[in-house]
Amino acid sequence: MLIKAVKITPQTKIKIYAKHKVTEDEIENVLLEGKPHFFKTKFRRYIAIGRWVRYITIIFKYDKKTKEAEIITAYPSSKWQIKLYKRKK
Protein backbone atom coordinates (compact mmCIF):
# COMPACT_ATOMS: atom_id res chain seq x y z
CA MET A 1 0.00 0.00 0.00
CA LEU A 2 1.39 3.36 -1.01
CA ILE A 3 0.69 6.27 1.33
CA LYS A 4 1.69 9.72 0.08
CA ALA A 5 0.10 11.84 2.83
CA VAL A 6 -1.13 11.48 6.40
CA LYS A 7 -4.15 13.47 7.56
CA ILE A 8 -4.86 13.96 11.28
CA THR A 9 -7.48 16.33 12.64
CA PRO A 10 -6.38 18.53 15.57
CA GLN A 11 -8.91 16.80 17.87
CA THR A 12 -7.61 13.36 16.92
CA LYS A 13 -4.01 14.45 17.43
CA ILE A 14 -4.80 15.73 20.93
CA LYS A 15 -6.79 12.62 21.85
CA ILE A 16 -4.10 10.20 20.66
CA TYR A 17 -1.37 12.02 22.57
CA ALA A 18 -3.43 12.47 25.76
CA LYS A 19 -4.63 8.88 25.84
CA HIS A 20 -1.71 6.91 24.35
CA LYS A 21 1.30 9.29 24.29
CA VAL A 22 1.78 8.77 20.54
CA THR A 23 2.91 11.82 18.58
CA GLU A 24 2.04 12.87 15.04
CA ASP A 25 5.71 12.49 14.08
CA GLU A 26 5.72 8.84 15.18
CA ILE A 27 2.62 8.13 13.10
CA GLU A 28 4.02 9.84 10.01
CA ASN A 29 7.40 8.13 10.35
CA VAL A 30 5.84 4.68 10.66
CA LEU A 31 3.50 5.16 7.69
CA LEU A 32 5.71 7.16 5.34
CA GLU A 33 9.27 6.08 6.13
CA GLY A 34 8.97 2.83 8.06
CA LYS A 35 7.99 -0.56 6.68
CA PRO A 36 4.65 -1.26 8.34
CA HIS A 37 2.47 -4.28 7.73
CA PHE A 38 -1.08 -3.50 6.66
CA PHE A 39 -4.25 -5.42 7.47
CA LYS A 40 -7.75 -4.70 6.19
CA THR A 41 -10.56 -4.54 8.75
CA LYS A 42 -14.28 -3.86 8.78
CA PHE A 43 -15.86 -0.59 7.71
CA ARG A 44 -13.20 0.13 5.02
CA ARG A 45 -10.50 0.70 7.60
CA TYR A 46 -6.94 -0.50 7.79
CA ILE A 47 -4.50 -1.33 10.55
CA ALA A 48 -0.80 -0.64 10.19
CA ILE A 49 1.71 -2.12 12.62
CA GLY A 50 5.18 -0.70 12.38
CA ARG A 51 8.23 0.41 14.25
CA TRP A 52 9.99 3.72 14.49
CA VAL A 53 11.37 4.20 18.01
CA ARG A 54 8.79 1.77 19.39
CA TYR A 55 6.11 -0.44 17.90
CA ILE A 56 2.96 1.50 17.00
CA THR A 57 -0.46 0.30 15.82
CA ILE A 58 -2.35 2.77 13.64
CA ILE A 59 -5.98 2.54 12.53
CA PHE A 60 -6.89 4.66 9.52
CA LYS A 61 -9.12 5.16 6.49
CA TYR A 62 -7.38 5.03 3.11
CA ASP A 63 -8.35 7.04 0.05
CA LYS A 64 -7.17 5.11 -3.01
CA LYS A 65 -7.43 8.10 -5.34
CA THR A 66 -5.32 10.52 -3.32
CA LYS A 67 -3.31 7.79 -1.53
CA GLU A 68 -4.00 9.58 1.74
CA ALA A 69 -4.36 7.98 5.18
CA GLU A 70 -6.88 9.62 7.51
CA ILE A 71 -5.87 8.64 11.03
CA ILE A 72 -8.58 7.41 13.38
CA THR A 73 -6.38 6.34 16.29
CA ALA A 74 -2.90 5.14 17.14
CA TYR A 75 -1.45 3.43 20.20
CA PRO A 76 1.59 1.45 21.35
CA SER A 77 1.37 -2.10 20.02
CA SER A 78 0.49 -4.94 22.33
CA LYS A 79 2.66 -8.07 22.65
CA TRP A 80 0.53 -10.11 20.23
CA GLN A 81 0.65 -7.29 17.64
CA ILE A 82 4.45 -7.12 17.91
CA LYS A 83 4.63 -10.91 17.42
CA LEU A 84 2.37 -10.60 14.36
CA TYR A 85 4.61 -7.87 12.93
CA LYS A 86 7.77 -9.91 13.47
CA ARG A 87 6.18 -13.03 11.99
CA LYS A 88 5.16 -11.18 8.80
CA LYS A 89 8.65 -9.71 8.41
PDB file of N, CA and C in Angstrom:
ATOM      1  N   MET A   1       0.852  -1.167   0.000  1.00  0.00           N
ATOM      2  CA  MET A   1       0.000   0.000   0.000  1.00  0.00           C
ATOM      3  C   MET A   1       0.899   1.232   0.000  1.00  0.00           C
ATOM      4  N   LEU A   2       0.627   2.132  -0.898  1.00  0.00           N
ATOM      5  CA  LEU A   2       1.395   3.358  -1.014  1.00  0.00           C
ATOM      6  C   LEU A   2       0.640   4.504  -0.338  1.00  0.00           C
ATOM      7  N   ILE A   3       1.278   5.126   0.635  1.00  0.00           N
ATOM      8  CA  ILE A   3       0.689   6.270   1.326  1.00  0.00           C
ATOM      9  C   ILE A   3       1.563   7.479   1.040  1.00  0.00           C
ATOM     10  N   LYS A   4       0.957   8.505   0.419  1.00  0.00           N
ATOM     11  CA  LYS A   4       1.694   9.720   0.084  1.00  0.00           C
ATOM     12  C   LYS A   4       1.505  10.825   1.116  1.00  0.00           C
ATOM     13  N   ALA A   5       0.379  10.793   1.846  1.00  0.00           N
ATOM     14  CA  ALA A   5       0.101  11.840   2.829  1.00  0.00           C
ATOM     15  C   ALA A   5      -0.655  11.262   4.023  1.00  0.00           C
ATOM     16  N   VAL A   6      -0.447  11.880   5.166  1.00  0.00           N
ATOM     17  CA  VAL A   6      -1.128  11.483   6.399  1.00  0.00           C
ATOM     18  C   VAL A   6      -1.951  12.674   6.863  1.00  0.00           C
ATOM     19  N   LYS A   7      -3.238  12.413   7.131  1.00  0.00           N
ATOM     20  CA  LYS A   7      -4.154  13.474   7.559  1.00  0.00           C
ATOM     21  C   LYS A   7      -4.642  13.159   8.969  1.00  0.00           C
ATOM     22  N   ILE A   8      -4.409  14.110   9.892  1.00  0.00           N
ATOM     23  CA  ILE A   8      -4.862  13.958  11.275  1.00  0.00           C
ATOM     24  C   ILE A   8      -5.554  15.250  11.687  1.00  0.00           C
ATOM     25  N   THR A   9      -6.779  15.143  12.164  1.00  0.00           N
ATOM     26  CA  THR A   9      -7.480  16.332  12.643  1.00  0.00           C
ATOM     27  C   THR A   9      -6.850  16.773  13.974  1.00  0.00           C
ATOM     28  N   PRO A  10      -6.944  18.051  14.294  1.00  0.00           N
ATOM     29  CA  PRO A  10      -6.382  18.525  15.574  1.00  0.00           C
ATOM     30  C   PRO A  10      -6.975  17.805  16.792  1.00  0.00           C
ATOM     31  N   GLN A  11      -8.276  17.508  16.747  1.00  0.00           N
ATOM     32  CA  GLN A  11      -8.910  16.803  17.868  1.00  0.00           C
ATOM     33  C   GLN A  11      -8.349  15.389  18.017  1.00  0.00           C
ATOM     34  N   THR A  12      -8.150  14.716  16.890  1.00  0.00           N
ATOM     35  CA  THR A  12      -7.609  13.358  16.922  1.00  0.00           C
ATOM     36  C   THR A  12      -6.179  13.365  17.444  1.00  0.00           C
ATOM     37  N   LYS A  13      -5.400  14.326  16.994  1.00  0.00           N
ATOM     38  CA  LYS A  13      -4.006  14.451  17.432  1.00  0.00           C
ATOM     39  C   LYS A  13      -3.929  14.621  18.949  1.00  0.00           C
ATOM     40  N   ILE A  14      -4.778  15.480  19.487  1.00  0.00           N
ATOM     41  CA  ILE A  14      -4.803  15.727  20.932  1.00  0.00           C
ATOM     42  C   ILE A  14      -5.236  14.476  21.686  1.00  0.00           C
ATOM     43  N   LYS A  15      -6.280  13.821  21.187  1.00  0.00           N
ATOM     44  CA  LYS A  15      -6.791  12.615  21.849  1.00  0.00           C
ATOM     45  C   LYS A  15      -5.749  11.506  21.881  1.00  0.00           C
ATOM     46  N   ILE A  16      -5.092  11.281  20.748  1.00  0.00           N
ATOM     47  CA  ILE A  16      -4.096  10.202  20.665  1.00  0.00           C
ATOM     48  C   ILE A  16      -2.933  10.477  21.622  1.00  0.00           C
ATOM     49  N   TYR A  17      -2.486  11.719  21.673  1.00  0.00           N
ATOM     50  CA  TYR A  17      -1.373  12.024  22.571  1.00  0.00           C
ATOM     51  C   TYR A  17      -1.803  11.935  24.033  1.00  0.00           C
ATOM     52  N   ALA A  18      -2.962  12.476  24.365  1.00  0.00           N
ATOM     53  CA  ALA A  18      -3.433  12.473  25.755  1.00  0.00           C
ATOM     54  C   ALA A  18      -3.685  11.050  26.265  1.00  0.00           C
ATOM     55  N   LYS A  19      -4.237  10.230  25.418  1.00  0.00           N
ATOM     56  CA  LYS A  19      -4.627   8.880  25.840  1.00  0.00           C
ATOM     57  C   LYS A  19      -3.503   7.857  25.714  1.00  0.00           C
ATOM     58  N   HIS A  20      -2.695   7.959  24.650  1.00  0.00           N
ATOM     59  CA  HIS A  20      -1.710   6.908  24.355  1.00  0.00           C
ATOM     60  C   HIS A  20      -0.264   7.395  24.272  1.00  0.00           C
ATOM     61  N   LYS A  21      -0.049   8.698  24.377  1.00  0.00           N
ATOM     62  CA  LYS A  21       1.295   9.290  24.291  1.00  0.00           C
ATOM     63  C   LYS A  21       1.991   8.969  22.967  1.00  0.00           C
ATOM     64  N   VAL A  22       1.237   8.964  21.886  1.00  0.00           N
ATOM     65  CA  VAL A  22       1.780   8.766  20.542  1.00  0.00           C
ATOM     66  C   VAL A  22       1.720  10.100  19.820  1.00  0.00           C
ATOM     67  N   THR A  23       2.848  10.517  19.243  1.00  0.00           N
ATOM     68  CA  THR A  23       2.906  11.817  18.576  1.00  0.00           C
ATOM     69  C   THR A  23       2.611  11.689  17.083  1.00  0.00           C
ATOM     70  N   GLU A  24       2.296  12.826  16.476  1.00  0.00           N
ATOM     71  CA  GLU A  24       2.043  12.872  15.042  1.00  0.00           C
ATOM     72  C   GLU A  24       3.293  12.455  14.264  1.00  0.00           C
ATOM     73  N   ASP A  25       4.459  12.862  14.742  1.00  0.00           N
ATOM     74  CA  ASP A  25       5.714  12.487  14.080  1.00  0.00           C
ATOM     75  C   ASP A  25       5.906  10.979  14.040  1.00  0.00           C
ATOM     76  N   GLU A  26       5.601  10.301  15.143  1.00  0.00           N
ATOM     77  CA  GLU A  26       5.724   8.844  15.179  1.00  0.00           C
ATOM     78  C   GLU A  26       4.814   8.199  14.134  1.00  0.00           C
ATOM     79  N   ILE A  27       3.584   8.677  14.057  1.00  0.00           N
ATOM     80  CA  ILE A  27       2.620   8.130  13.099  1.00  0.00           C
ATOM     81  C   ILE A  27       3.114   8.333  11.675  1.00  0.00           C
ATOM     82  N   GLU A  28       3.540   9.548  11.360  1.00  0.00           N
ATOM     83  CA  GLU A  28       4.018   9.837  10.008  1.00  0.00           C
ATOM     84  C   GLU A  28       5.265   9.022   9.666  1.00  0.00           C
ATOM     85  N   ASN A  29       6.188   8.905  10.603  1.00  0.00           N
ATOM     86  CA  ASN A  29       7.398   8.133  10.347  1.00  0.00           C
ATOM     87  C   ASN A  29       7.099   6.657  10.093  1.00  0.00           C
ATOM     88  N   VAL A  30       6.190   6.095  10.862  1.00  0.00           N
ATOM     89  CA  VAL A  30       5.835   4.683  10.659  1.00  0.00           C
ATOM     90  C   VAL A  30       5.185   4.495   9.288  1.00  0.00           C
ATOM     91  N   LEU A  31       4.231   5.342   8.943  1.00  0.00           N
ATOM     92  CA  LEU A  31       3.498   5.158   7.687  1.00  0.00           C
ATOM     93  C   LEU A  31       4.280   5.569   6.447  1.00  0.00           C
ATOM     94  N   LEU A  32       5.049   6.637   6.526  1.00  0.00           N
ATOM     95  CA  LEU A  32       5.715   7.160   5.339  1.00  0.00           C
ATOM     96  C   LEU A  32       7.146   6.651   5.156  1.00  0.00           C
ATOM     97  N   GLU A  33       7.871   6.454   6.242  1.00  0.00           N
ATOM     98  CA  GLU A  33       9.273   6.081   6.129  1.00  0.00           C
ATOM     99  C   GLU A  33       9.578   4.679   6.633  1.00  0.00           C
ATOM    100  N   GLY A  34       8.749   4.165   7.526  1.00  0.00           N
ATOM    101  CA  GLY A  34       8.966   2.829   8.059  1.00  0.00           C
ATOM    102  C   GLY A  34       8.468   1.780   7.081  1.00  0.00           C
ATOM    103  N   LYS A  35       8.490   0.545   7.507  1.00  0.00           N
ATOM    104  CA  LYS A  35       7.988  -0.557   6.681  1.00  0.00           C
ATOM    105  C   LYS A  35       6.893  -1.287   7.450  1.00  0.00           C
ATOM    106  N   PRO A  36       5.723  -0.639   7.561  1.00  0.00           N
ATOM    107  CA  PRO A  36       4.648  -1.259   8.338  1.00  0.00           C
ATOM    108  C   PRO A  36       3.979  -2.400   7.570  1.00  0.00           C
ATOM    109  N   HIS A  37       3.307  -3.247   8.325  1.00  0.00           N
ATOM    110  CA  HIS A  37       2.466  -4.285   7.731  1.00  0.00           C
ATOM    111  C   HIS A  37       1.033  -3.794   7.822  1.00  0.00           C
ATOM    112  N   PHE A  38       0.291  -3.985   6.733  1.00  0.00           N
ATOM    113  CA  PHE A  38      -1.079  -3.497   6.661  1.00  0.00           C
ATOM    114  C   PHE A  38      -2.058  -4.666   6.703  1.00  0.00           C
ATOM    115  N   PHE A  39      -3.179  -4.443   7.376  1.00  0.00           N
ATOM    116  CA  PHE A  39      -4.249  -5.419   7.472  1.00  0.00           C
ATOM    117  C   PHE A  39      -5.561  -4.694   7.233  1.00  0.00           C
ATOM    118  N   LYS A  40      -6.440  -5.295   6.449  1.00  0.00           N
ATOM    119  CA  LYS A  40      -7.747  -4.704   6.192  1.00  0.00           C
ATOM    120  C   LYS A  40      -8.714  -5.151   7.281  1.00  0.00           C
ATOM    121  N   THR A  41      -9.574  -4.223   7.718  1.00  0.00           N
ATOM    122  CA  THR A  41     -10.563  -4.542   8.752  1.00  0.00           C
ATOM    123  C   THR A  41     -11.958  -4.205   8.243  1.00  0.00           C
ATOM    124  N   LYS A  42     -12.906  -4.221   9.137  1.00  0.00           N
ATOM    125  CA  LYS A  42     -14.276  -3.860   8.781  1.00  0.00           C
ATOM    126  C   LYS A  42     -14.386  -2.369   8.493  1.00  0.00           C
ATOM    127  N   PHE A  43     -15.495  -1.988   7.926  1.00  0.00           N
ATOM    128  CA  PHE A  43     -15.862  -0.585   7.712  1.00  0.00           C
ATOM    129  C   PHE A  43     -14.836   0.176   6.868  1.00  0.00           C
ATOM    130  N   ARG A  44     -14.179  -0.495   5.929  1.00  0.00           N
ATOM    131  CA  ARG A  44     -13.201   0.130   5.024  1.00  0.00           C
ATOM    132  C   ARG A  44     -12.048   0.800   5.767  1.00  0.00           C
ATOM    133  N   ARG A  45     -11.627   0.191   6.826  1.00  0.00           N
ATOM    134  CA  ARG A  45     -10.502   0.704   7.596  1.00  0.00           C
ATOM    135  C   ARG A  45      -9.317  -0.245   7.468  1.00  0.00           C
ATOM    136  N   TYR A  46      -8.167   0.275   7.833  1.00  0.00           N
ATOM    137  CA  TYR A  46      -6.940  -0.501   7.787  1.00  0.00           C
ATOM    138  C   TYR A  46      -6.196  -0.355   9.098  1.00  0.00           C
ATOM    139  N   ILE A  47      -5.394  -1.367   9.396  1.00  0.00           N
ATOM    140  CA  ILE A  47      -4.498  -1.327  10.549  1.00  0.00           C
ATOM    141  C   ILE A  47      -3.083  -1.421  10.010  1.00  0.00           C
ATOM    142  N   ALA A  48      -2.220  -0.575  10.511  1.00  0.00           N
ATOM    143  CA  ALA A  48      -0.797  -0.644  10.185  1.00  0.00           C
ATOM    144  C   ALA A  48      -0.046  -0.884  11.491  1.00  0.00           C
ATOM    145  N   ILE A  49       0.833  -1.873  11.478  1.00  0.00           N
ATOM    146  CA  ILE A  49       1.707  -2.121  12.619  1.00  0.00           C
ATOM    147  C   ILE A  49       3.121  -1.890  12.127  1.00  0.00           C
ATOM    148  N   GLY A  50       3.831  -1.004  12.805  1.00  0.00           N
ATOM    149  CA  GLY A  50       5.185  -0.700  12.378  1.00  0.00           C
ATOM    150  C   GLY A  50       6.034  -0.221  13.530  1.00  0.00           C
ATOM    151  N   ARG A  51       7.305   0.005  13.204  1.00  0.00           N
ATOM    152  CA  ARG A  51       8.234   0.413  14.248  1.00  0.00           C
ATOM    153  C   ARG A  51       9.005   1.643  13.804  1.00  0.00           C
ATOM    154  N   TRP A  52       9.094   2.591  14.693  1.00  0.00           N
ATOM    155  CA  TRP A  52       9.993   3.723  14.495  1.00  0.00           C
ATOM    156  C   TRP A  52      10.942   3.711  15.684  1.00  0.00           C
ATOM    157  N   VAL A  53      10.596   4.336  16.775  1.00  0.00           N
ATOM    158  CA  VAL A  53      11.367   4.199  18.012  1.00  0.00           C
ATOM    159  C   VAL A  53      10.802   3.042  18.823  1.00  0.00           C
ATOM    160  N   ARG A  54       9.505   2.875  18.728  1.00  0.00           N
ATOM    161  CA  ARG A  54       8.791   1.773  19.391  1.00  0.00           C
ATOM    162  C   ARG A  54       7.747   1.251  18.422  1.00  0.00           C
ATOM    163  N   TYR A  55       7.143   0.134  18.760  1.00  0.00           N
ATOM    164  CA  TYR A  55       6.106  -0.439  17.898  1.00  0.00           C
ATOM    165  C   TYR A  55       4.803   0.331  18.103  1.00  0.00           C
ATOM    166  N   ILE A  56       4.190   0.716  16.985  1.00  0.00           N
ATOM    167  CA  ILE A  56       2.956   1.503  17.003  1.00  0.00           C
ATOM    168  C   ILE A  56       1.910   0.805  16.137  1.00  0.00           C
ATOM    169  N   THR A  57       0.673   0.788  16.600  1.00  0.00           N
ATOM    170  CA  THR A  57      -0.460   0.297  15.825  1.00  0.00           C
ATOM    171  C   THR A  57      -1.304   1.509  15.454  1.00  0.00           C
ATOM    172  N   ILE A  58      -1.616   1.608  14.152  1.00  0.00           N
ATOM    173  CA  ILE A  58      -2.351   2.768  13.640  1.00  0.00           C
ATOM    174  C   ILE A  58      -3.593   2.279  12.906  1.00  0.00           C
ATOM    175  N   ILE A  59      -4.729   2.854  13.226  1.00  0.00           N
ATOM    176  CA  ILE A  59      -5.980   2.543  12.531  1.00  0.00           C
ATOM    177  C   ILE A  59      -6.349   3.771  11.706  1.00  0.00           C
ATOM    178  N   PHE A  60      -6.651   3.533  10.423  1.00  0.00           N
ATOM    179  CA  PHE A  60      -6.895   4.661   9.525  1.00  0.00           C
ATOM    180  C   PHE A  60      -7.819   4.282   8.382  1.00  0.00           C
ATOM    181  N   LYS A  61      -8.360   5.309   7.731  1.00  0.00           N
ATOM    182  CA  LYS A  61      -9.118   5.156   6.487  1.00  0.00           C
ATOM    183  C   LYS A  61      -8.166   5.498   5.357  1.00  0.00           C
ATOM    184  N   TYR A  62      -8.300   4.810   4.220  1.00  0.00           N
ATOM    185  CA  TYR A  62      -7.385   5.030   3.106  1.00  0.00           C
ATOM    186  C   TYR A  62      -8.153   5.451   1.871  1.00  0.00           C
ATOM    187  N   ASP A  63      -7.751   6.559   1.283  1.00  0.00           N
ATOM    188  CA  ASP A  63      -8.350   7.044   0.046  1.00  0.00           C
ATOM    189  C   ASP A  63      -7.466   6.592  -1.111  1.00  0.00           C
ATOM    190  N   LYS A  64      -7.970   5.684  -1.916  1.00  0.00           N
ATOM    191  CA  LYS A  64      -7.175   5.107  -3.013  1.00  0.00           C
ATOM    192  C   LYS A  64      -6.820   6.128  -4.088  1.00  0.00           C
ATOM    193  N   LYS A  65      -7.697   7.096  -4.296  1.00  0.00           N
ATOM    194  CA  LYS A  65      -7.429   8.099  -5.342  1.00  0.00           C
ATOM    195  C   LYS A  65      -6.283   9.031  -4.953  1.00  0.00           C
ATOM    196  N   THR A  66      -6.344   9.570  -3.750  1.00  0.00           N
ATOM    197  CA  THR A  66      -5.315  10.517  -3.317  1.00  0.00           C
ATOM    198  C   THR A  66      -4.155   9.841  -2.589  1.00  0.00           C
ATOM    199  N   LYS A  67      -4.319   8.552  -2.272  1.00  0.00           N
ATOM    200  CA  LYS A  67      -3.306   7.787  -1.527  1.00  0.00           C
ATOM    201  C   LYS A  67      -3.011   8.440  -0.177  1.00  0.00           C
ATOM    202  N   GLU A  68      -4.094   8.873   0.469  1.00  0.00           N
ATOM    203  CA  GLU A  68      -3.997   9.583   1.736  1.00  0.00           C
ATOM    204  C   GLU A  68      -4.585   8.745   2.862  1.00  0.00           C
ATOM    205  N   ALA A  69      -3.895   8.713   3.995  1.00  0.00           N
ATOM    206  CA  ALA A  69      -4.361   7.984   5.177  1.00  0.00           C
ATOM    207  C   ALA A  69      -4.955   8.979   6.163  1.00  0.00           C
ATOM    208  N   GLU A  70      -6.225   8.775   6.499  1.00  0.00           N
ATOM    209  CA  GLU A  70      -6.883   9.616   7.505  1.00  0.00           C
ATOM    210  C   GLU A  70      -6.861   8.862   8.829  1.00  0.00           C
ATOM    211  N   ILE A  71      -6.107   9.348   9.775  1.00  0.00           N
ATOM    212  CA  ILE A  71      -5.872   8.641  11.031  1.00  0.00           C
ATOM    213  C   ILE A  71      -7.111   8.688  11.917  1.00  0.00           C
ATOM    214  N   ILE A  72      -7.464   7.518  12.434  1.00  0.00           N
ATOM    215  CA  ILE A  72      -8.580   7.410  13.377  1.00  0.00           C
ATOM    216  C   ILE A  72      -8.030   7.332  14.797  1.00  0.00           C
ATOM    217  N   THR A  73      -7.050   6.447  15.000  1.00  0.00           N
ATOM    218  CA  THR A  73      -6.379   6.340  16.294  1.00  0.00           C
ATOM    219  C   THR A  73      -5.028   5.674  16.111  1.00  0.00           C
ATOM    220  N   ALA A  74      -4.202   5.789  17.126  1.00  0.00           N
ATOM    221  CA  ALA A  74      -2.895   5.143  17.139  1.00  0.00           C
ATOM    222  C   ALA A  74      -2.527   4.887  18.597  1.00  0.00           C
ATOM    223  N   TYR A  75      -1.836   3.789  18.837  1.00  0.00           N
ATOM    224  CA  TYR A  75      -1.452   3.435  20.203  1.00  0.00           C
ATOM    225  C   TYR A  75      -0.243   2.511  20.174  1.00  0.00           C
ATOM    226  N   PRO A  76       0.475   2.392  21.295  1.00  0.00           N
ATOM    227  CA  PRO A  76       1.593   1.453  21.345  1.00  0.00           C
ATOM    228  C   PRO A  76       1.078   0.026  21.138  1.00  0.00           C
ATOM    229  N   SER A  77       1.808  -0.738  20.356  1.00  0.00           N
ATOM    230  CA  SER A  77       1.373  -2.097  20.020  1.00  0.00           C
ATOM    231  C   SER A  77       1.432  -3.013  21.236  1.00  0.00           C
ATOM    232  N   SER A  78       0.497  -3.937  21.273  1.00  0.00           N
ATOM    233  CA  SER A  78       0.489  -4.944  22.333  1.00  0.00           C
ATOM    234  C   SER A  78       1.472  -6.059  21.964  1.00  0.00           C
ATOM    235  N   LYS A  79       1.703  -6.981  22.890  1.00  0.00           N
ATOM    236  CA  LYS A  79       2.658  -8.072  22.650  1.00  0.00           C
ATOM    237  C   LYS A  79       2.256  -8.929  21.463  1.00  0.00           C
ATOM    238  N   TRP A  80       0.951  -9.252  21.342  1.00  0.00           N
ATOM    239  CA  TRP A  80       0.534 -10.112  20.233  1.00  0.00           C
ATOM    240  C   TRP A  80       0.659  -9.390  18.892  1.00  0.00           C
ATOM    241  N   GLN A  81       0.486  -8.058  18.884  1.00  0.00           N
ATOM    242  CA  GLN A  81       0.655  -7.285  17.644  1.00  0.00           C
ATOM    243  C   GLN A  81       2.127  -7.231  17.229  1.00  0.00           C
ATOM    244  N   ILE A  82       3.014  -7.114  18.207  1.00  0.00           N
ATOM    245  CA  ILE A  82       4.446  -7.119  17.908  1.00  0.00           C
ATOM    246  C   ILE A  82       4.857  -8.478  17.350  1.00  0.00           C
ATOM    247  N   LYS A  83       4.334  -9.560  17.936  1.00  0.00           N
ATOM    248  CA  LYS A  83       4.625 -10.906  17.419  1.00  0.00           C
ATOM    249  C   LYS A  83       4.126 -11.059  15.990  1.00  0.00           C
ATOM    250  N   LEU A  84       2.936 -10.544  15.715  1.00  0.00           N
ATOM    251  CA  LEU A  84       2.369 -10.596  14.364  1.00  0.00           C
ATOM    252  C   LEU A  84       3.256  -9.835  13.382  1.00  0.00           C
ATOM    253  N   TYR A  85       3.720  -8.667  13.773  1.00  0.00           N
ATOM    254  CA  TYR A  85       4.609  -7.866  12.935  1.00  0.00           C
ATOM    255  C   TYR A  85       5.900  -8.632  12.630  1.00  0.00           C
ATOM    256  N   LYS A  86       6.499  -9.191  13.655  1.00  0.00           N
ATOM    257  CA  LYS A  86       7.766  -9.910  13.471  1.00  0.00           C
ATOM    258  C   LYS A  86       7.587 -11.166  12.625  1.00  0.00           C
ATOM    259  N   ARG A  87       6.446 -11.819  12.765  1.00  0.00           N
ATOM    260  CA  ARG A  87       6.179 -13.034  11.986  1.00  0.00           C
ATOM    261  C   ARG A  87       5.997 -12.717  10.510  1.00  0.00           C
ATOM    262  N   LYS A  88       5.393 -11.576  10.204  1.00  0.00           N
ATOM    263  CA  LYS A  88       5.157 -11.184   8.804  1.00  0.00           C
ATOM    264  C   LYS A  88       6.420 -10.649   8.148  1.00  0.00           C
ATOM    265  N   LYS A  89       7.423 -10.311   8.925  1.00  0.00           N
ATOM    266  CA  LYS A  89       8.652  -9.706   8.409  1.00  0.00           C
ATOM    267  C   LYS A  89       9.418 -10.617   7.501  1.00  0.00           C
TER     268      LYS A  89
END
